[in-house]
N, C-alpha and C. Protein backbone atom coordinates (compact mmCIF):
# COMPACT_ATOMS: atom_id res chain seq x y z
N UNK A 1 15.78 -11.76 1.03
CA UNK A 1 15.14 -11.63 -0.01
C UNK A 1 13.55 -11.51 0.22
N UNK A 2 13.03 -11.57 1.01
CA UNK A 2 11.23 -11.34 1.88
C UNK A 2 10.87 -10.41 1.28
N UNK A 3 11.23 -9.11 1.25
CA UNK A 3 11.32 -8.17 1.27
C UNK A 3 11.87 -6.73 0.41
N UNK A 4 11.90 -7.31 -0.35
CA UNK A 4 12.69 -7.16 -2.01
C UNK A 4 11.85 -6.28 -3.22
N UNK A 5 10.41 -6.83 -3.11
CA UNK A 5 9.67 -6.38 -3.84
C UNK A 5 8.64 -4.79 -2.66
N UNK A 6 8.39 -5.20 -2.21
CA UNK A 6 8.28 -4.45 -1.23
C UNK A 6 9.23 -2.59 -0.74
N UNK A 7 10.40 -3.11 -0.80
CA UNK A 7 11.59 -2.05 -0.83
C UNK A 7 11.73 -1.27 -2.23
N UNK A 8 11.09 -2.55 -3.72
CA UNK A 8 11.63 -1.62 -4.40
C UNK A 8 9.70 -0.88 -5.62
N UNK A 9 8.84 -1.27 -4.04
CA UNK A 9 7.58 -0.36 -4.65
C UNK A 9 7.64 0.35 -4.09
N UNK A 10 7.87 0.86 -2.53
CA UNK A 10 8.24 2.06 -1.90
C UNK A 10 8.50 3.24 -2.30
N UNK A 11 8.69 3.68 -3.29
CA UNK A 11 8.92 4.99 -3.70
C UNK A 11 8.16 5.36 -4.26
N UNK A 12 7.21 4.81 -4.95
CA UNK A 12 5.91 4.96 -5.67
C UNK A 12 5.02 5.02 -4.03
N UNK A 13 4.97 3.84 -3.25
CA UNK A 13 3.88 3.62 -2.79
C UNK A 13 4.29 5.17 -1.29
N UNK A 14 5.36 6.23 -1.65
CA UNK A 14 5.53 7.44 -0.66
C UNK A 14 4.82 8.05 -1.30
N UNK A 15 4.81 8.31 -2.89
CA UNK A 15 4.56 9.19 -3.70
C UNK A 15 3.01 8.96 -3.39
N UNK A 16 2.58 8.04 -3.41
CA UNK A 16 1.11 8.27 -2.98
C UNK A 16 0.15 8.47 -1.88
N UNK A 17 1.69 8.38 -0.38
CA UNK A 17 1.53 8.81 0.33
C UNK A 17 1.86 10.46 0.28
N UNK A 18 2.75 10.88 0.11
CA UNK A 18 2.59 12.62 -0.45
C UNK A 18 1.43 12.86 -1.41
N UNK A 19 0.90 12.47 -1.64
CA UNK A 19 -0.76 12.73 -2.26
C UNK A 19 -1.11 12.77 -1.38
N UNK A 20 -1.63 11.68 -0.43
CA UNK A 20 -2.50 11.08 0.04
C UNK A 20 -2.70 12.65 1.30
N UNK A 21 -1.59 12.86 1.18
CA UNK A 21 -1.59 14.09 2.78
C UNK A 21 -1.66 15.23 2.28
N UNK A 22 -1.24 15.72 1.43
CA UNK A 22 -1.16 16.88 0.72
C UNK A 22 -2.56 17.86 0.42
N UNK A 23 -2.84 16.98 -0.95
CA UNK A 23 -4.07 16.80 -1.67
C UNK A 23 -5.60 16.23 -0.72
N UNK A 24 -7.12 16.66 -1.21
CA UNK A 24 -7.64 17.80 -2.02
C UNK A 24 -7.12 18.73 -0.54
N UNK A 25 -7.12 20.09 -1.22
CA UNK A 25 -6.12 21.74 -0.93
C UNK A 25 -6.98 22.07 0.24
N UNK A 26 -8.49 21.74 0.12
CA UNK A 26 -10.64 22.82 -0.48
C UNK A 26 -10.66 21.93 0.98
N UNK A 27 -10.15 21.09 1.86
CA UNK A 27 -10.76 20.25 2.86
C UNK A 27 -9.94 21.03 4.11
N UNK A 28 -10.23 21.68 5.26
CA UNK A 28 -9.99 21.83 6.43
C UNK A 28 -8.57 21.58 7.19
N UNK A 29 -7.26 22.06 8.06
CA UNK A 29 -6.77 21.07 7.79
C UNK A 29 -6.53 21.48 9.46
N UNK A 30 -7.17 20.57 9.59
CA UNK A 30 -6.80 20.58 11.93
C UNK A 30 -6.29 19.95 12.44
N UNK A 31 -6.65 19.61 13.75
CA UNK A 31 -4.98 18.75 14.78
C UNK A 31 -6.66 17.35 14.13
N UNK A 32 -7.23 17.05 14.40
CA UNK A 32 -8.10 16.19 13.90
C UNK A 32 -7.69 15.76 13.48
N UNK A 33 -7.98 16.10 12.07
CA UNK A 33 -7.81 15.50 10.51
C UNK A 33 -6.21 15.45 10.68
N UNK A 34 -4.84 15.85 10.69
CA UNK A 34 -3.73 15.90 10.56
C UNK A 34 -3.28 13.79 11.56
N UNK A 35 -4.04 13.83 12.44
CA UNK A 35 -4.00 12.87 13.64
C UNK A 35 -4.96 11.60 12.58
N UNK A 36 -5.77 12.37 11.48
CA UNK A 36 -6.33 10.65 10.57
C UNK A 36 -5.85 10.70 9.90
N UNK A 37 -5.32 11.69 9.13
CA UNK A 37 -3.73 11.59 8.03
C UNK A 37 -2.57 10.74 8.19
N UNK A 38 -2.11 10.62 9.69
CA UNK A 38 -1.39 9.89 10.58
C UNK A 38 -1.30 8.15 10.01
N UNK A 39 -2.39 8.16 10.94
CA UNK A 39 -3.18 7.22 11.38
C UNK A 39 -3.63 6.61 10.17
N UNK A 40 -3.97 6.93 8.51
CA UNK A 40 -4.17 6.77 8.29
C UNK A 40 -2.71 5.84 6.74
N UNK A 41 -2.20 6.84 6.96
CA UNK A 41 -0.15 6.43 6.44
C UNK A 41 0.12 5.48 7.07
N UNK A 42 0.22 4.70 8.56
CA UNK A 42 0.70 4.03 9.21
C UNK A 42 0.09 2.64 9.20
N UNK A 43 -1.65 3.08 9.00
CA UNK A 43 -2.17 1.81 8.81
C UNK A 43 -2.24 1.85 7.66
N UNK A 44 -1.72 2.52 6.48
CA UNK A 44 -2.01 1.78 4.71
C UNK A 44 -0.37 1.05 5.75
N UNK A 45 0.53 1.48 5.63
CA UNK A 45 2.09 0.87 5.20
C UNK A 45 2.37 -0.26 6.09
N UNK A 46 1.46 -0.19 7.46
CA UNK A 46 1.72 -1.71 7.83
C UNK A 46 0.58 -3.00 6.60
N UNK A 47 -0.42 -1.91 6.01
CA UNK A 47 -1.49 -3.89 5.27
C UNK A 47 0.03 -3.80 4.07
N UNK A 48 0.26 -3.04 4.23
CA UNK A 48 0.95 -3.75 2.53
C UNK A 48 2.32 -4.43 3.10
N UNK A 49 3.14 -4.49 4.68
CA UNK A 49 3.56 -5.17 4.91
C UNK A 49 3.74 -6.40 4.93
N UNK A 50 2.50 -6.41 6.11
CA UNK A 50 1.81 -7.39 6.28
C UNK A 50 1.37 -8.85 4.57
N UNK A 51 1.08 -7.57 4.36
CA UNK A 51 0.08 -8.87 2.88
C UNK A 51 1.13 -9.02 1.78
N UNK A 52 2.17 -8.04 1.81
CA UNK A 52 3.81 -8.33 1.10
C UNK A 52 4.06 -9.19 1.88
N UNK A 53 4.07 -9.80 2.83
CA UNK A 53 5.15 -10.98 3.80
C UNK A 53 3.53 -11.90 3.27
N UNK A 54 2.42 -12.17 3.66
CA UNK A 54 1.95 -12.53 3.37
C UNK A 54 1.78 -13.05 2.10
N UNK A 55 2.11 -12.24 0.94
CA UNK A 55 1.64 -12.54 -0.14
C UNK A 55 3.31 -13.93 -0.80
N UNK A 56 4.35 -13.31 -0.46
CA UNK A 56 5.79 -14.34 -0.48
C UNK A 56 5.84 -15.21 0.60
N UNK A 57 5.07 -15.30 1.92
CA UNK A 57 4.29 -17.12 1.98
C UNK A 57 4.09 -18.03 1.36
N UNK A 58 2.61 -16.97 0.83
CA UNK A 58 1.98 -18.01 -0.31
C UNK A 58 2.40 -18.66 -1.46
N UNK A 59 3.29 -17.30 -2.31
CA UNK A 59 3.75 -18.16 -3.04
C UNK A 59 4.43 -19.39 -3.66
N UNK A 60 4.66 -20.11 -4.20
CA UNK A 60 4.91 -21.01 -4.95
C UNK A 60 5.83 -21.42 -5.18
N UNK A 61 6.63 -21.77 -5.40
CA UNK A 61 8.69 -21.94 -5.61
C UNK A 61 8.82 -22.95 -6.42
N UNK A 62 8.37 -23.10 -8.00
CA UNK A 62 9.06 -24.12 -8.70
C UNK A 62 10.00 -24.71 -8.18
N UNK A 63 10.06 -26.35 -8.52
CA UNK A 63 10.75 -27.26 -8.67
C UNK A 63 11.94 -27.39 -9.09
N UNK A 64 13.33 -27.34 -9.60
CA UNK A 64 14.03 -27.54 -10.09
C UNK A 64 14.10 -28.60 -10.93
N UNK A 65 13.88 -28.30 -12.30
CA UNK A 65 13.86 -29.24 -13.53
C UNK A 65 14.46 -30.08 -13.62
N UNK A 66 14.95 -30.61 -14.94
CA UNK A 66 16.60 -31.04 -15.44
C UNK A 66 16.95 -29.93 -16.61
N UNK A 67 16.45 -29.16 -16.51
CA UNK A 67 17.16 -28.04 -17.37
C UNK A 67 16.58 -26.72 -15.90
N UNK A 68 16.68 -26.73 -15.25
CA UNK A 68 16.61 -25.64 -13.80
C UNK A 68 15.87 -25.55 -13.51
N UNK A 69 15.82 -24.53 -12.78
CA UNK A 69 14.36 -23.84 -12.42
C UNK A 69 13.59 -22.94 -13.58
N UNK A 70 12.48 -23.18 -13.30
CA UNK A 70 11.10 -22.66 -14.85
C UNK A 70 10.98 -21.01 -14.05
N UNK A 71 10.46 -20.69 -15.48
CA UNK A 71 10.30 -19.55 -15.21
C UNK A 71 9.33 -18.49 -14.46
N UNK A 72 9.05 -19.23 -12.91
CA UNK A 72 7.83 -19.10 -12.26
C UNK A 72 7.83 -18.52 -11.00
N UNK A 73 9.13 -18.62 -11.24
CA UNK A 73 10.38 -18.59 -10.04
C UNK A 73 9.80 -16.58 -9.57
N UNK A 74 10.19 -15.74 -10.50
CA UNK A 74 9.88 -14.76 -10.69
C UNK A 74 8.12 -14.00 -9.78
N UNK A 75 7.29 -14.76 -10.01
CA UNK A 75 6.12 -14.88 -8.74
C UNK A 75 6.40 -14.71 -7.41
N UNK A 76 7.11 -15.15 -6.44
CA UNK A 76 7.32 -15.16 -4.63
C UNK A 76 7.54 -13.26 -5.09
N UNK A 77 8.54 -12.67 -6.50
CA UNK A 77 8.80 -11.07 -5.59
C UNK A 77 7.85 -9.94 -6.34
N UNK A 78 7.01 -10.79 -7.31
CA UNK A 78 5.50 -9.69 -8.18
C UNK A 78 4.86 -10.16 -7.11
N UNK A 79 3.53 -11.34 -6.61
CA UNK A 79 2.96 -11.54 -6.42
C UNK A 79 2.55 -10.70 -4.32
N UNK A 80 3.70 -10.75 -3.95
CA UNK A 80 4.03 -9.34 -2.46
C UNK A 80 3.54 -8.05 -3.33
N UNK A 81 4.42 -8.16 -4.02
CA UNK A 81 4.44 -6.51 -4.42
C UNK A 81 2.88 -6.06 -5.32
N UNK A 82 1.70 -7.09 -5.68
CA UNK A 82 0.45 -6.41 -6.29
C UNK A 82 -0.04 -7.26 -5.18
N UNK A 83 0.31 -7.25 -3.72
CA UNK A 83 -0.56 -7.39 -2.55
C UNK A 83 -0.50 -6.09 -1.35
N UNK A 84 1.62 -5.85 -1.49
CA UNK A 84 1.35 -4.64 -0.29
C UNK A 84 1.33 -3.88 -1.15
N UNK A 85 0.93 -3.22 -2.70
CA UNK A 85 0.40 -2.38 -3.45
C UNK A 85 -1.36 -2.27 -3.43
N UNK A 86 -1.87 -3.55 -3.72
CA UNK A 86 -3.29 -3.11 -3.27
C UNK A 86 -3.74 -2.57 -2.25
N UNK A 87 -3.36 -3.46 -1.14
CA UNK A 87 -3.55 -2.79 0.33
C UNK A 87 -3.17 -1.52 0.56
N UNK A 88 -2.51 -1.15 0.15
CA UNK A 88 -1.64 0.72 0.16
C UNK A 88 -2.82 1.12 -0.32
N UNK A 89 -3.56 0.92 -0.96
CA UNK A 89 -4.67 1.65 -2.27
C UNK A 89 -5.77 2.05 -1.64
N UNK A 90 -6.16 0.93 -1.39
CA UNK A 90 -7.42 -0.59 -0.50
C UNK A 90 -7.11 1.11 0.51
N UNK A 91 -6.36 1.65 1.90
CA UNK A 91 -6.72 1.96 2.80
C UNK A 91 -6.47 3.02 2.14
N UNK A 92 -5.94 3.96 1.51
CA UNK A 92 -5.92 5.08 1.05
C UNK A 92 -7.07 5.45 0.58
N UNK A 93 -7.90 4.66 -0.49
CA UNK A 93 -8.81 5.16 -1.11
C UNK A 93 -9.88 5.35 -0.44
N UNK A 94 -10.34 4.55 0.93
CA UNK A 94 -11.39 4.51 2.17
C UNK A 94 -10.95 5.20 3.52
N UNK A 95 -9.87 6.10 3.55
CA UNK A 95 -9.60 7.04 3.79
C UNK A 95 -10.10 8.65 3.18
N UNK A 96 -9.58 8.52 2.09
CA UNK A 96 -9.58 9.16 0.95
C UNK A 96 -11.36 9.95 1.29
N UNK A 97 -12.33 8.31 1.48
CA UNK A 97 -13.17 8.26 1.46
C UNK A 97 -14.06 9.31 2.99
N UNK A 98 -13.54 8.22 3.40
CA UNK A 98 -14.09 9.36 4.82
C UNK A 98 -13.67 10.76 5.68
N UNK A 99 -12.01 11.14 5.01
CA UNK A 99 -12.46 11.34 5.47
C UNK A 99 -12.88 13.05 4.01
N UNK A 100 -13.02 13.25 3.32
CA UNK A 100 -14.01 13.60 2.66
C UNK A 100 -15.74 13.59 3.39
N UNK A 101 -15.59 12.91 3.95
CA UNK A 101 -17.51 12.89 4.24
C UNK A 101 -18.02 13.91 5.21
N UNK A 102 -16.31 13.33 6.55
CA UNK A 102 -15.75 13.83 7.41
C UNK A 102 -15.06 15.96 8.06
N UNK A 103 -14.73 16.30 7.19
CA UNK A 103 -14.12 17.38 7.04
C UNK A 103 -15.02 17.83 5.86
N UNK A 104 -15.88 17.78 4.72
CA UNK A 104 -16.08 18.41 3.59
C UNK A 104 -16.38 19.66 3.77
N UNK A 105 -16.46 20.94 3.31
CA UNK A 105 -16.79 22.02 3.64
C UNK A 105 -18.28 21.68 3.09
N UNK A 106 -19.98 22.52 4.35
CA UNK A 106 -20.93 21.97 3.97
C UNK A 106 -21.22 23.40 4.19
N UNK A 107 -22.14 23.47 2.59
CA UNK A 107 -23.31 24.48 2.07
C UNK A 107 -23.73 25.11 2.99
N UNK A 108 -23.75 26.94 2.90
CA UNK A 108 -24.14 27.01 3.70
C UNK A 108 -26.02 27.88 3.06
């Protein structure tokens, strides 16, 4: 159950990774840029998994009361999904900014 949230979120994270890899098309596609893109995607995946794992550990599971567990147990899956998604998006946005600053076409 530890990685359920990130597994359910994986298709969307793959789509974000594909979009990062494919766009923008006006930047030069040099070997160095591809290495940067691969490094950014690996860092985003690592950050998503690590933040999801940390969120799973920090989410508190409510105690079972007289009528069974309360509905708060869902947060043990929601919180890792939020943390994992947020970490992935932050890394990709920072990589987009750096990539645009480094590889943008210069006006002549």
